[in-house]
Amino acid sequence: MKTVKVLAIAMIALFSYQAVSASGLNHHHHRRHWHHRR
């Protein structure tokens, strides 16, 4: 039971980290490009 909970939390954390990292990189790149264009 406890192991399953820990595994689920780790999986969610990893997925969230990947999503945030990808989104952050994409957002930062887009923001930089927009700032440069303006």
Protein backbone atom coordinates (compact mmCIF):
# COMPACT_ATOMS: atom_id res chain seq x y z
CA MET A 1 0.00 0.00 0.00
CA LYS A 2 2.60 2.54 1.10
CA THR A 3 4.94 1.53 -1.75
CA VAL A 4 2.16 2.02 -4.29
CA LYS A 5 1.39 5.47 -2.90
CA VAL A 6 5.05 6.50 -3.04
CA LEU A 7 5.34 5.17 -6.59
CA ALA A 8 2.24 7.09 -7.67
CA ILE A 9 3.54 10.31 -6.08
CA ALA A 10 6.94 9.84 -7.74
CA MET A 11 5.32 9.21 -11.12
CA ILE A 12 3.10 12.29 -10.79
CA ALA A 13 6.04 14.40 -9.64
CA LEU A 14 8.15 13.25 -12.58
CA PHE A 15 5.35 13.94 -15.06
CA SER A 16 4.66 17.36 -13.54
CA TYR A 17 8.37 18.21 -13.59
CA GLN A 18 8.64 17.22 -17.27
CA ALA A 19 5.54 19.23 -18.17
CA VAL A 20 6.73 22.30 -16.26
CA SER A 21 10.25 22.05 -17.67
CA ALA A 22 9.02 21.70 -21.27
CA SER A 23 6.43 24.45 -20.83
CA GLY A 24 8.95 26.72 -19.11
CA LEU A 25 11.52 26.28 -21.87
CA ASN A 26 8.93 26.83 -24.59
CA HIS A 27 7.43 29.83 -22.80
CA HIS A 28 10.83 31.36 -22.15
CA HIS A 29 11.86 30.92 -25.78
CA HIS A 30 8.59 32.41 -27.02
CA ARG A 31 8.84 35.32 -24.58
CA ARG A 32 12.42 36.00 -25.62
CA HIS A 33 11.49 35.94 -29.29
CA TRP A 34 8.50 38.25 -28.69
CA HIS A 35 10.65 40.66 -26.69
CA HIS A 36 13.31 40.66 -29.39
CA ARG A 37 10.72 41.20 -32.13
CA ARG A 38 9.15 44.10 -30.26
